[in-house]
Amino acid sequence: MVWHPSLMRNDFVLSRKEEKIADSSGERIEVGMSIDGASSMLTAYVAPSEHSDTQHTFSVDLLIDSESPRNLSKNQCLTSIVGRYILVYEFFQGRFELTDVGTGETVLSDLSTAAWID
């Protein structure tokens, strides 16, 4: 699972904090990262899936240094963090987005183009 404690093995991740959400089965997870001298914070709200043994991510926000937070997903989504990038796929929206967590820039917004990248 993307928000699993093993995420701490990522060289860019400095901290991981989880907190139960009152009156809910969900959790708020914060992942602090440092990339090229910039401090980044990913905040996600996750809850167990009703259909599988995984957790679903319901919202993902990215905060870089003192900038305003950027919402990467408001809907239920699948996420994957590899190195300095986060991939967000929103269910029922057909929207894939690959974002550089260090800069906040969208690297790919149409995953079908990813097949051309080697």
PDB file of N, CA and C in Angstrom:
ATOM      1  N   MET A   1       0.846  -1.189   0.000  1.00  0.00           N
ATOM      2  CA  MET A   1       0.000   0.000   0.000  1.00  0.00           C
ATOM      3  C   MET A   1       0.886   1.245   0.000  1.00  0.00           C
ATOM      4  N   VAL A   2       0.474   2.226  -0.743  1.00  0.00           N
ATOM      5  CA  VAL A   2       1.319   3.392  -0.947  1.00  0.00           C
ATOM      6  C   VAL A   2       1.593   4.167   0.341  1.00  0.00           C
ATOM      7  N   TRP A   3       0.663   4.180   1.251  1.00  0.00           N
ATOM      8  CA  TRP A   3       0.859   4.965   2.479  1.00  0.00           C
ATOM      9  C   TRP A   3       1.395   4.097   3.616  1.00  0.00           C
ATOM     10  N   HIS A   4       1.798   2.889   3.308  1.00  0.00           N
ATOM     11  CA  HIS A   4       2.327   1.937   4.279  1.00  0.00           C
ATOM     12  C   HIS A   4       3.623   2.478   4.903  1.00  0.00           C
ATOM     13  N   PRO A   5       3.936   2.080   6.135  1.00  0.00           N
ATOM     14  CA  PRO A   5       5.186   2.546   6.755  1.00  0.00           C
ATOM     15  C   PRO A   5       6.444   2.243   5.939  1.00  0.00           C
ATOM     16  N   SER A   6       6.412   1.248   5.052  1.00  0.00           N
ATOM     17  CA  SER A   6       7.595   0.940   4.240  1.00  0.00           C
ATOM     18  C   SER A   6       7.945   2.081   3.283  1.00  0.00           C
ATOM     19  N   LEU A   7       7.049   3.046   3.134  1.00  0.00           N
ATOM     20  CA  LEU A   7       7.335   4.229   2.325  1.00  0.00           C
ATOM     21  C   LEU A   7       8.567   4.957   2.860  1.00  0.00           C
ATOM     22  N   MET A   8       8.886   4.742   4.142  1.00  0.00           N
ATOM     23  CA  MET A   8      10.063   5.376   4.748  1.00  0.00           C
ATOM     24  C   MET A   8      11.364   4.912   4.086  1.00  0.00           C
ATOM     25  N   ARG A   9      11.317   3.853   3.275  1.00  0.00           N
ATOM     26  CA  ARG A   9      12.512   3.385   2.560  1.00  0.00           C
ATOM     27  C   ARG A   9      12.861   4.280   1.368  1.00  0.00           C
ATOM     28  N   ASN A  10      11.923   5.110   0.959  1.00  0.00           N
ATOM     29  CA  ASN A  10      12.158   6.044  -0.141  1.00  0.00           C
ATOM     30  C   ASN A  10      13.195   7.072   0.338  1.00  0.00           C
ATOM     31  N   ASP A  11      14.242   7.288  -0.456  1.00  0.00           N
ATOM     32  CA  ASP A  11      15.329   8.189  -0.066  1.00  0.00           C
ATOM     33  C   ASP A  11      14.885   9.632   0.160  1.00  0.00           C
ATOM     34  N   PHE A  12      13.765  10.051  -0.418  1.00  0.00           N
ATOM     35  CA  PHE A  12      13.289  11.425  -0.290  1.00  0.00           C
ATOM     36  C   PHE A  12      12.391  11.627   0.935  1.00  0.00           C
ATOM     37  N   VAL A  13      11.896  10.544   1.510  1.00  0.00           N
ATOM     38  CA  VAL A  13      10.949  10.631   2.625  1.00  0.00           C
ATOM     39  C   VAL A  13      11.695  10.831   3.938  1.00  0.00           C
ATOM     40  N   LEU A  14      11.292  11.874   4.676  1.00  0.00           N
ATOM     41  CA  LEU A  14      11.912  12.177   5.967  1.00  0.00           C
ATOM     42  C   LEU A  14      11.044  11.755   7.143  1.00  0.00           C
ATOM     43  N   SER A  15       9.715  11.818   6.955  1.00  0.00           N
ATOM     44  CA  SER A  15       8.822  11.516   8.070  1.00  0.00           C
ATOM     45  C   SER A  15       7.496  10.969   7.559  1.00  0.00           C
ATOM     46  N   ARG A  16       6.833  10.232   8.435  1.00  0.00           N
ATOM     47  CA  ARG A  16       5.507   9.699   8.136  1.00  0.00           C
ATOM     48  C   ARG A  16       4.719   9.700   9.429  1.00  0.00           C
ATOM     49  N   LYS A  17       3.534  10.285   9.391  1.00  0.00           N
ATOM     50  CA  LYS A  17       2.695  10.396  10.586  1.00  0.00           C
ATOM     51  C   LYS A  17       1.278   9.987  10.212  1.00  0.00           C
ATOM     52  N   GLU A  18       0.664   9.147  11.038  1.00  0.00           N
ATOM     53  CA  GLU A  18      -0.730   8.790  10.791  1.00  0.00           C
ATOM     54  C   GLU A  18      -1.560   9.099  12.026  1.00  0.00           C
ATOM     55  N   GLU A  19      -2.796   9.472  11.758  1.00  0.00           N
ATOM     56  CA  GLU A  19      -3.691   9.895  12.831  1.00  0.00           C
ATOM     57  C   GLU A  19      -5.099   9.410  12.497  1.00  0.00           C
ATOM     58  N   LYS A  20      -5.748   8.753  13.450  1.00  0.00           N
ATOM     59  CA  LYS A  20      -7.126   8.312  13.264  1.00  0.00           C
ATOM     60  C   LYS A  20      -8.043   9.528  13.166  1.00  0.00           C
ATOM     61  N   ILE A  21      -9.026   9.433  12.288  1.00  0.00           N
ATOM     62  CA  ILE A  21     -10.019  10.494  12.155  1.00  0.00           C
ATOM     63  C   ILE A  21     -11.180  10.149  13.075  1.00  0.00           C
ATOM     64  N   ALA A  22     -11.515  11.074  13.964  1.00  0.00           N
ATOM     65  CA  ALA A  22     -12.592  10.846  14.926  1.00  0.00           C
ATOM     66  C   ALA A  22     -13.886  10.487  14.206  1.00  0.00           C
ATOM     67  N   ASP A  23     -14.656   9.563  14.779  1.00  0.00           N
ATOM     68  CA  ASP A  23     -15.951   9.127  14.239  1.00  0.00           C
ATOM     69  C   ASP A  23     -15.831   8.556  12.828  1.00  0.00           C
ATOM     70  N   SER A  24     -14.713   7.903  12.539  1.00  0.00           N
ATOM     71  CA  SER A  24     -14.487   7.370  11.197  1.00  0.00           C
ATOM     72  C   SER A  24     -13.552   6.176  11.289  1.00  0.00           C
ATOM     73  N   SER A  25     -13.584   5.321  10.282  1.00  0.00           N
ATOM     74  CA  SER A  25     -12.626   4.221  10.231  1.00  0.00           C
ATOM     75  C   SER A  25     -11.383   4.635   9.448  1.00  0.00           C
ATOM     76  N   GLY A  26     -11.359   5.889   9.034  1.00  0.00           N
ATOM     77  CA  GLY A  26     -10.259   6.374   8.203  1.00  0.00           C
ATOM     78  C   GLY A  26      -9.109   6.966   8.993  1.00  0.00           C
ATOM     79  N   GLU A  27      -8.047   7.293   8.255  1.00  0.00           N
ATOM     80  CA  GLU A  27      -6.859   7.895   8.839  1.00  0.00           C
ATOM     81  C   GLU A  27      -6.385   9.053   7.974  1.00  0.00           C
ATOM     82  N   ARG A  28      -5.717   9.989   8.615  1.00  0.00           N
ATOM     83  CA  ARG A  28      -5.034  11.081   7.928  1.00  0.00           C
ATOM     84  C   ARG A  28      -3.561  10.741   7.999  1.00  0.00           C
ATOM     85  N   ILE A  29      -2.899  10.687   6.840  1.00  0.00           N
ATOM     86  CA  ILE A  29      -1.484  10.340   6.795  1.00  0.00           C
ATOM     87  C   ILE A  29      -0.714  11.495   6.175  1.00  0.00           C
ATOM     88  N   GLU A  30       0.353  11.893   6.847  1.00  0.00           N
ATOM     89  CA  GLU A  30       1.235  12.950   6.345  1.00  0.00           C
ATOM     90  C   GLU A  30       2.602  12.336   6.054  1.00  0.00           C
ATOM     91  N   VAL A  31       3.132  12.644   4.884  1.00  0.00           N
ATOM     92  CA  VAL A  31       4.454  12.168   4.487  1.00  0.00           C
ATOM     93  C   VAL A  31       5.298  13.390   4.159  1.00  0.00           C
ATOM     94  N   GLY A  32       6.351  13.596   4.946  1.00  0.00           N
ATOM     95  CA  GLY A  32       7.264  14.719   4.720  1.00  0.00           C
ATOM     96  C   GLY A  32       8.420  14.284   3.845  1.00  0.00           C
ATOM     97  N   MET A  33       8.728  15.091   2.836  1.00  0.00           N
ATOM     98  CA  MET A  33       9.798  14.754   1.900  1.00  0.00           C
ATOM     99  C   MET A  33      10.712  15.957   1.706  1.00  0.00           C
ATOM    100  N   SER A  34      11.952  15.692   1.333  1.00  0.00           N
ATOM    101  CA  SER A  34      12.897  16.741   0.986  1.00  0.00           C
ATOM    102  C   SER A  34      13.480  16.391  -0.377  1.00  0.00           C
ATOM    103  N   ILE A  35      13.265  17.291  -1.348  1.00  0.00           N
ATOM    104  CA  ILE A  35      13.703  17.041  -2.718  1.00  0.00           C
ATOM    105  C   ILE A  35      14.391  18.295  -3.237  1.00  0.00           C
ATOM    106  N   ASP A  36      15.644  18.170  -3.594  1.00  0.00           N
ATOM    107  CA  ASP A  36      16.426  19.288  -4.129  1.00  0.00           C
ATOM    108  C   ASP A  36      16.338  20.530  -3.242  1.00  0.00           C
ATOM    109  N   GLY A  37      16.372  20.336  -1.926  1.00  0.00           N
ATOM    110  CA  GLY A  37      16.350  21.444  -0.983  1.00  0.00           C
ATOM    111  C   GLY A  37      14.968  21.976  -0.652  1.00  0.00           C
ATOM    112  N   ALA A  38      13.936  21.477  -1.312  1.00  0.00           N
ATOM    113  CA  ALA A  38      12.558  21.916  -1.021  1.00  0.00           C
ATOM    114  C   ALA A  38      11.906  20.919  -0.063  1.00  0.00           C
ATOM    115  N   SER A  39      11.141  21.456   0.887  1.00  0.00           N
ATOM    116  CA  SER A  39      10.384  20.608   1.805  1.00  0.00           C
ATOM    117  C   SER A  39       8.982  20.421   1.242  1.00  0.00           C
ATOM    118  N   SER A  40       8.561  19.167   1.132  1.00  0.00           N
ATOM    119  CA  SER A  40       7.241  18.852   0.604  1.00  0.00           C
ATOM    120  C   SER A  40       6.484  18.026   1.628  1.00  0.00           C
ATOM    121  N   MET A  41       5.161  18.222   1.661  1.00  0.00           N
ATOM    122  CA  MET A  41       4.310  17.443   2.544  1.00  0.00           C
ATOM    123  C   MET A  41       3.137  16.913   1.735  1.00  0.00           C
ATOM    124  N   LEU A  42       2.982  15.596   1.704  1.00  0.00           N
ATOM    125  CA  LEU A  42       1.816  14.970   1.107  1.00  0.00           C
ATOM    126  C   LEU A  42       0.874  14.612   2.240  1.00  0.00           C
ATOM    127  N   THR A  43      -0.388  14.988   2.117  1.00  0.00           N
ATOM    128  CA  THR A  43      -1.394  14.640   3.104  1.00  0.00           C
ATOM    129  C   THR A  43      -2.475  13.845   2.398  1.00  0.00           C
ATOM    130  N   ALA A  44      -2.802  12.682   2.954  1.00  0.00           N
ATOM    131  CA  ALA A  44      -3.811  11.824   2.342  1.00  0.00           C
ATOM    132  C   ALA A  44      -4.812  11.383   3.395  1.00  0.00           C
ATOM    133  N   TYR A  45      -6.039  11.183   2.969  1.00  0.00           N
ATOM    134  CA  TYR A  45      -7.083  10.630   3.812  1.00  0.00           C
ATOM    135  C   TYR A  45      -7.411   9.258   3.254  1.00  0.00           C
ATOM    136  N   VAL A  46      -7.227   8.217   4.073  1.00  0.00           N
ATOM    137  CA  VAL A  46      -7.412   6.850   3.607  1.00  0.00           C
ATOM    138  C   VAL A  46      -8.403   6.118   4.501  1.00  0.00           C
ATOM    139  N   ALA A  47      -9.045   5.106   3.919  1.00  0.00           N
ATOM    140  CA  ALA A  47      -9.990   4.277   4.658  1.00  0.00           C
ATOM    141  C   ALA A  47      -9.974   2.881   4.044  1.00  0.00           C
ATOM    142  N   PRO A  48     -10.300   1.866   4.842  1.00  0.00           N
ATOM    143  CA  PRO A  48     -10.331   0.512   4.309  1.00  0.00           C
ATOM    144  C   PRO A  48     -11.360   0.388   3.188  1.00  0.00           C
ATOM    145  N   SER A  49     -11.028  -0.419   2.202  1.00  0.00           N
ATOM    146  CA  SER A  49     -11.945  -0.678   1.094  1.00  0.00           C
ATOM    147  C   SER A  49     -13.045  -1.628   1.553  1.00  0.00           C
ATOM    148  N   GLU A  50     -14.222  -1.424   1.027  1.00  0.00           N
ATOM    149  CA  GLU A  50     -15.324  -2.339   1.320  1.00  0.00           C
ATOM    150  C   GLU A  50     -15.263  -3.562   0.417  1.00  0.00           C
ATOM    151  N   HIS A  51     -14.400  -3.515  -0.606  1.00  0.00           N
ATOM    152  CA  HIS A  51     -14.388  -4.562  -1.625  1.00  0.00           C
ATOM    153  C   HIS A  51     -13.104  -5.385  -1.671  1.00  0.00           C
ATOM    154  N   SER A  52     -12.079  -4.976  -0.923  1.00  0.00           N
ATOM    155  CA  SER A  52     -10.810  -5.711  -0.965  1.00  0.00           C
ATOM    156  C   SER A  52     -10.047  -5.474   0.337  1.00  0.00           C
ATOM    157  N   ASP A  53      -8.842  -6.020   0.406  1.00  0.00           N
ATOM    158  CA  ASP A  53      -8.015  -5.875   1.605  1.00  0.00           C
ATOM    159  C   ASP A  53      -7.129  -4.641   1.570  1.00  0.00           C
ATOM    160  N   THR A  54      -7.381  -3.746   0.649  1.00  0.00           N
ATOM    161  CA  THR A  54      -6.544  -2.555   0.508  1.00  0.00           C
ATOM    162  C   THR A  54      -7.209  -1.349   1.150  1.00  0.00           C
ATOM    163  N   GLN A  55      -6.451  -0.269   1.217  1.00  0.00           N
ATOM    164  CA  GLN A  55      -7.008   1.002   1.663  1.00  0.00           C
ATOM    165  C   GLN A  55      -7.230   1.884   0.448  1.00  0.00           C
ATOM    166  N   HIS A  56      -8.318   2.636   0.464  1.00  0.00           N
ATOM    167  CA  HIS A  56      -8.591   3.596  -0.598  1.00  0.00           C
ATOM    168  C   HIS A  56      -8.171   4.984  -0.132  1.00  0.00           C
ATOM    169  N   THR A  57      -7.612   5.730  -1.038  1.00  0.00           N
ATOM    170  CA  THR A  57      -7.232   7.108  -0.771  1.00  0.00           C
ATOM    171  C   THR A  57      -8.361   8.000  -1.263  1.00  0.00           C
ATOM    172  N   PHE A  58      -8.833   8.907  -0.416  1.00  0.00           N
ATOM    173  CA  PHE A  58      -9.961   9.753  -0.788  1.00  0.00           C
ATOM    174  C   PHE A  58      -9.572  11.179  -1.112  1.00  0.00           C
ATOM    175  N   SER A  59      -8.440  11.618  -0.667  1.00  0.00           N
ATOM    176  CA  SER A  59      -7.998  12.965  -0.971  1.00  0.00           C
ATOM    177  C   SER A  59      -6.488  13.015  -0.804  1.00  0.00           C
ATOM    178  N   VAL A  60      -5.829  13.746  -1.700  1.00  0.00           N
ATOM    179  CA  VAL A  60      -4.378  13.914  -1.605  1.00  0.00           C
ATOM    180  C   VAL A  60      -4.058  15.385  -1.815  1.00  0.00           C
ATOM    181  N   ASP A  61      -3.322  15.966  -0.873  1.00  0.00           N
ATOM    182  CA  ASP A  61      -2.881  17.355  -0.982  1.00  0.00           C
ATOM    183  C   ASP A  61      -1.358  17.395  -0.959  1.00  0.00           C
ATOM    184  N   LEU A  62      -0.786  18.347  -1.689  1.00  0.00           N
ATOM    185  CA  LEU A  62       0.660  18.546  -1.742  1.00  0.00           C
ATOM    186  C   LEU A  62       0.969  19.973  -1.314  1.00  0.00           C
ATOM    187  N   LEU A  63       1.857  20.107  -0.339  1.00  0.00           N
ATOM    188  CA  LEU A  63       2.322  21.411   0.129  1.00  0.00           C
ATOM    189  C   LEU A  63       3.833  21.447  -0.063  1.00  0.00           C
ATOM    190  N   ILE A  64       4.322  22.450  -0.793  1.00  0.00           N
ATOM    191  CA  ILE A  64       5.759  22.610  -1.021  1.00  0.00           C
ATOM    192  C   ILE A  64       6.204  23.906  -0.368  1.00  0.00           C
ATOM    193  N   ASP A  65       7.187  23.786   0.547  1.00  0.00           N
ATOM    194  CA  ASP A  65       7.684  24.924   1.316  1.00  0.00           C
ATOM    195  C   ASP A  65       6.520  25.731   1.873  1.00  0.00           C
ATOM    196  N   SER A  66       6.456  27.023   1.629  1.00  0.00           N
ATOM    197  CA  SER A  66       5.393  27.852   2.211  1.00  0.00           C
ATOM    198  C   SER A  66       4.330  28.230   1.186  1.00  0.00           C
ATOM    199  N   GLU A  67       4.289  27.515   0.065  1.00  0.00           N
ATOM    200  CA  GLU A  67       3.272  27.798  -0.953  1.00  0.00           C
ATOM    201  C   GLU A  67       1.903  27.333  -0.480  1.00  0.00           C
ATOM    202  N   SER A  68       0.876  27.707  -1.193  1.00  0.00           N
ATOM    203  CA  SER A  68      -0.470  27.226  -0.902  1.00  0.00           C
ATOM    204  C   SER A  68      -0.560  25.750  -1.258  1.00  0.00           C
ATOM    205  N   PRO A  69      -1.307  24.962  -0.467  1.00  0.00           N
ATOM    206  CA  PRO A  69      -1.438  23.541  -0.783  1.00  0.00           C
ATOM    207  C   PRO A  69      -2.140  23.333  -2.129  1.00  0.00           C
ATOM    208  N   ARG A  70      -1.745  22.286  -2.820  1.00  0.00           N
ATOM    209  CA  ARG A  70      -2.366  21.929  -4.098  1.00  0.00           C
ATOM    210  C   ARG A  70      -3.074  20.596  -3.918  1.00  0.00           C
ATOM    211  N   ASN A  71      -4.347  20.528  -4.280  1.00  0.00           N
ATOM    212  CA  ASN A  71      -5.084  19.283  -4.185  1.00  0.00           C
ATOM    213  C   ASN A  71      -4.814  18.449  -5.438  1.00  0.00           C
ATOM    214  N   LEU A  72      -4.287  17.238  -5.233  1.00  0.00           N
ATOM    215  CA  LEU A  72      -3.999  16.346  -6.349  1.00  0.00           C
ATOM    216  C   LEU A  72      -5.186  15.445  -6.667  1.00  0.00           C
ATOM    217  N   SER A  73      -6.047  15.215  -5.679  1.00  0.00           N
ATOM    218  CA  SER A  73      -7.239  14.395  -5.894  1.00  0.00           C
ATOM    219  C   SER A  73      -8.249  14.672  -4.790  1.00  0.00           C
ATOM    220  N   LYS A  74      -9.496  14.851  -5.179  1.00  0.00           N
ATOM    221  CA  LYS A  74     -10.576  15.014  -4.201  1.00  0.00           C
ATOM    222  C   LYS A  74     -11.434  13.761  -4.115  1.00  0.00           C
ATOM    223  N   ASN A  75     -11.281  12.892  -5.112  1.00  0.00           N
ATOM    224  CA  ASN A  75     -12.115  11.709  -5.201  1.00  0.00           C
ATOM    225  C   ASN A  75     -11.337  10.472  -4.788  1.00  0.00           C
ATOM    226  N   GLN A  76     -12.066   9.385  -4.645  1.00  0.00           N
ATOM    227  CA  GLN A  76     -11.434   8.115  -4.345  1.00  0.00           C
ATOM    228  C   GLN A  76     -10.446   7.793  -5.456  1.00  0.00           C
ATOM    229  N   CYS A  77      -9.234   7.389  -5.076  1.00  0.00           N
ATOM    230  CA  CYS A  77      -8.214   7.177  -6.098  1.00  0.00           C
ATOM    231  C   CYS A  77      -7.216   6.109  -5.672  1.00  0.00           C
ATOM    232  N   LEU A  78      -6.457   5.677  -6.631  1.00  0.00           N
ATOM    233  CA  LEU A  78      -5.285   4.842  -6.386  1.00  0.00           C
ATOM    234  C   LEU A  78      -4.069   5.747  -6.501  1.00  0.00           C
ATOM    235  N   THR A  79      -3.089   5.546  -5.641  1.00  0.00           N
ATOM    236  CA  THR A  79      -1.898   6.372  -5.682  1.00  0.00           C
ATOM    237  C   THR A  79      -0.660   5.493  -5.616  1.00  0.00           C
ATOM    238  N   SER A  80       0.412   5.986  -6.165  1.00  0.00           N
ATOM    239  CA  SER A  80       1.685   5.294  -6.106  1.00  0.00           C
ATOM    240  C   SER A  80       2.781   6.352  -6.014  1.00  0.00           C
ATOM    241  N   ILE A  81       3.710   6.152  -5.088  1.00  0.00           N
ATOM    242  CA  ILE A  81       4.825   7.075  -4.940  1.00  0.00           C
ATOM    243  C   ILE A  81       6.110   6.312  -5.265  1.00  0.00           C
ATOM    244  N   VAL A  82       6.849   6.821  -6.230  1.00  0.00           N
ATOM    245  CA  VAL A  82       8.129   6.234  -6.605  1.00  0.00           C
ATOM    246  C   VAL A  82       9.133   7.374  -6.688  1.00  0.00           C
ATOM    247  N   GLY A  83      10.171   7.289  -5.867  1.00  0.00           N
ATOM    248  CA  GLY A  83      11.174   8.348  -5.859  1.00  0.00           C
ATOM    249  C   GLY A  83      10.530   9.679  -5.535  1.00  0.00           C
ATOM    250  N   ARG A  84      10.657  10.627  -6.426  1.00  0.00           N
ATOM    251  CA  ARG A  84      10.138  11.983  -6.216  1.00  0.00           C
ATOM    252  C   ARG A  84       8.786  12.214  -6.882  1.00  0.00           C
ATOM    253  N   TYR A  85       8.156  11.164  -7.385  1.00  0.00           N
ATOM    254  CA  TYR A  85       6.906  11.305  -8.143  1.00  0.00           C
ATOM    255  C   TYR A  85       5.739  10.605  -7.460  1.00  0.00           C
ATOM    256  N   ILE A  86       4.550  11.190  -7.631  1.00  0.00           N
ATOM    257  CA  ILE A  86       3.323  10.551  -7.180  1.00  0.00           C
ATOM    258  C   ILE A  86       2.397  10.418  -8.382  1.00  0.00           C
ATOM    259  N   LEU A  87       1.871   9.214  -8.548  1.00  0.00           N
ATOM    260  CA  LEU A  87       0.899   8.940  -9.604  1.00  0.00           C
ATOM    261  C   LEU A  87      -0.466   8.838  -8.954  1.00  0.00           C
ATOM    262  N   VAL A  88      -1.415   9.604  -9.455  1.00  0.00           N
ATOM    263  CA  VAL A  88      -2.789   9.584  -8.950  1.00  0.00           C
ATOM    264  C   VAL A  88      -3.702   9.144 -10.077  1.00  0.00           C
ATOM    265  N   TYR A  89      -4.532   8.161  -9.792  1.00  0.00           N
ATOM    266  CA  TYR A  89      -5.565   7.713 -10.728  1.00  0.00           C
ATOM    267  C   TYR A  89      -6.906   7.824 -10.017  1.00  0.00           C
ATOM    268  N   GLU A  90      -7.781   8.687 -10.512  1.00  0.00           N
ATOM    269  CA  GLU A  90      -9.105   8.860  -9.909  1.00  0.00           C
ATOM    270  C   GLU A  90     -10.104   7.903 -10.543  1.00  0.00           C
ATOM    271  N   PHE A  91     -10.745   7.099  -9.694  1.00  0.00           N
ATOM    272  CA  PHE A  91     -11.764   6.175 -10.172  1.00  0.00           C
ATOM    273  C   PHE A  91     -12.875   6.943 -10.878  1.00  0.00           C
ATOM    274  N   PHE A  92     -13.429   6.350 -11.892  1.00  0.00           N
ATOM    275  CA  PHE A  92     -14.600   6.860 -12.616  1.00  0.00           C
ATOM    276  C   PHE A  92     -14.352   8.196 -13.309  1.00  0.00           C
ATOM    277  N   GLN A  93     -13.151   8.731 -13.206  1.00  0.00           N
ATOM    278  CA  GLN A  93     -12.841  10.000 -13.850  1.00  0.00           C
ATOM    279  C   GLN A  93     -11.952   9.797 -15.073  1.00  0.00           C
ATOM    280  N   GLY A  94     -11.284   8.644 -15.134  1.00  0.00           N
ATOM    281  CA  GLY A  94     -10.365   8.388 -16.228  1.00  0.00           C
ATOM    282  C   GLY A  94      -9.180   9.338 -16.224  1.00  0.00           C
ATOM    283  N   ARG A  95      -8.857   9.867 -15.048  1.00  0.00           N
ATOM    284  CA  ARG A  95      -7.792  10.870 -14.945  1.00  0.00           C
ATOM    285  C   ARG A  95      -6.574  10.272 -14.262  1.00  0.00           C
ATOM    286  N   PHE A  96      -5.481  10.206 -14.988  1.00  0.00           N
ATOM    287  CA  PHE A  96      -4.182   9.835 -14.434  1.00  0.00           C
ATOM    288  C   PHE A  96      -3.340  11.097 -14.405  1.00  0.00           C
ATOM    289  N   GLU A  97      -2.564  11.251 -13.347  1.00  0.00           N
ATOM    290  CA  GLU A  97      -1.674  12.400 -13.298  1.00  0.00           C
ATOM    291  C   GLU A  97      -0.412  12.013 -12.548  1.00  0.00           C
ATOM    292  N   LEU A  98       0.730  12.283 -13.159  1.00  0.00           N
ATOM    293  CA  LEU A  98       2.026  12.050 -12.541  1.00  0.00           C
ATOM    294  C   LEU A  98       2.595  13.410 -12.172  1.00  0.00           C
ATOM    295  N   THR A  99       2.887  13.593 -10.881  1.00  0.00           N
ATOM    296  CA  THR A  99       3.329  14.888 -10.367  1.00  0.00           C
ATOM    297  C   THR A  99       4.683  14.757  -9.687  1.00  0.00           C
ATOM    298  N   ASP A 100       5.557  15.723  -9.937  1.00  0.00           N
ATOM    299  CA  ASP A 100       6.840  15.823  -9.262  1.00  0.00           C
ATOM    300  C   ASP A 100       6.578  16.424  -7.880  1.00  0.00           C
ATOM    301  N   VAL A 101       6.831  15.656  -6.830  1.00  0.00           N
ATOM    302  CA  VAL A 101       6.537  16.108  -5.466  1.00  0.00           C
ATOM    303  C   VAL A 101       7.473  17.232  -5.031  1.00  0.00           C
ATOM    304  N   GLY A 102       8.616  17.370  -5.664  1.00  0.00           N
ATOM    305  CA  GLY A 102       9.560  18.425  -5.312  1.00  0.00           C
ATOM    306  C   GLY A 102       9.222  19.776  -5.897  1.00  0.00           C
ATOM    307  N   THR A 103       8.561  19.782  -7.062  1.00  0.00           N
ATOM    308  CA  THR A 103       8.237  21.046  -7.728  1.00  0.00           C
ATOM    309  C   THR A 103       6.733  21.308  -7.831  1.00  0.00           C
ATOM    310  N   GLY A 104       5.921  20.252  -7.721  1.00  0.00           N
ATOM    311  CA  GLY A 104       4.477  20.387  -7.895  1.00  0.00           C
ATOM    312  C   GLY A 104       4.049  20.379  -9.346  1.00  0.00           C
ATOM    313  N   GLU A 105       4.996  20.222 -10.257  1.00  0.00           N
ATOM    314  CA  GLU A 105       4.686  20.246 -11.687  1.00  0.00           C
ATOM    315  C   GLU A 105       4.086  18.914 -12.129  1.00  0.00           C
ATOM    316  N   THR A 106       3.089  18.999 -12.994  1.00  0.00           N
ATOM    317  CA  THR A 106       2.512  17.804 -13.591  1.00  0.00           C
ATOM    318  C   THR A 106       3.452  17.325 -14.688  1.00  0.00           C
ATOM    319  N   VAL A 107       3.934  16.111 -14.557  1.00  0.00           N
ATOM    320  CA  VAL A 107       4.861  15.541 -15.526  1.00  0.00           C
ATOM    321  C   VAL A 107       4.081  14.887 -16.664  1.00  0.00           C
ATOM    322  N   LEU A 108       3.050  14.135 -16.321  1.00  0.00           N
ATOM    323  CA  LEU A 108       2.155  13.511 -17.301  1.00  0.00           C
ATOM    324  C   LEU A 108       0.724  13.680 -16.826  1.00  0.00           C
ATOM    325  N   SER A 109      -0.151  14.067 -17.716  1.00  0.00           N
ATOM    326  CA  SER A 109      -1.565  14.142 -17.354  1.00  0.00           C
ATOM    327  C   SER A 109      -2.390  13.152 -18.149  1.00  0.00           C
ATOM    328  N   ASP A 110      -1.751  12.471 -19.097  1.00  0.00           N
ATOM    329  CA  ASP A 110      -2.421  11.437 -19.880  1.00  0.00           C
ATOM    330  C   ASP A 110      -1.507  10.229 -19.864  1.00  0.00           C
ATOM    331  N   LEU A 111      -1.848   9.244 -19.040  1.00  0.00           N
ATOM    332  CA  LEU A 111      -0.962   8.112 -18.850  1.00  0.00           C
ATOM    333  C   LEU A 111      -0.754   7.312 -20.120  1.00  0.00           C
ATOM    334  N   SER A 112      -1.620   7.430 -21.094  1.00  0.00           N
ATOM    335  CA  SER A 112      -1.418   6.684 -22.330  1.00  0.00           C
ATOM    336  C   SER A 112      -0.128   7.105 -23.017  1.00  0.00           C
ATOM    337  N   THR A 113       0.357   8.319 -22.711  1.00  0.00           N
ATOM    338  CA  THR A 113       1.621   8.773 -23.301  1.00  0.00           C
ATOM    339  C   THR A 113       2.823   8.149 -22.594  1.00  0.00           C
ATOM    340  N   ALA A 114       2.608   7.581 -21.422  1.00  0.00           N
ATOM    341  CA  ALA A 114       3.718   7.009 -20.661  1.00  0.00           C
ATOM    342  C   ALA A 114       4.347   5.826 -21.377  1.00  0.00           C
ATOM    343  N   ALA A 115       3.610   5.155 -22.224  1.00  0.00           N
ATOM    344  CA  ALA A 115       4.156   4.017 -22.964  1.00  0.00           C
ATOM    345  C   ALA A 115       5.287   4.444 -23.880  1.00  0.00           C
ATOM    346  N   TRP A 116       5.323   5.719 -24.224  1.00  0.00           N
ATOM    347  CA  TRP A 116       6.362   6.220 -25.113  1.00  0.00           C
ATOM    348  C   TRP A 116       7.611   6.641 -24.370  1.00  0.00           C
ATOM    349  N   ILE A 117       7.548   6.680 -23.054  1.00  0.00           N
ATOM    350  CA  ILE A 117       8.682   7.115 -22.252  1.00  0.00           C
ATOM    351  C   ILE A 117       9.464   5.906 -21.782  1.00  0.00           C
ATOM    352  N   ASP A 118      10.736   5.907 -21.996  1.00  0.00           N
ATOM    353  CA  ASP A 118      11.560   4.771 -21.580  1.00  0.00           C
ATOM    354  C   ASP A 118      12.587   5.243 -20.578  1.00  0.00           C
TER     355      ASP A 118
END
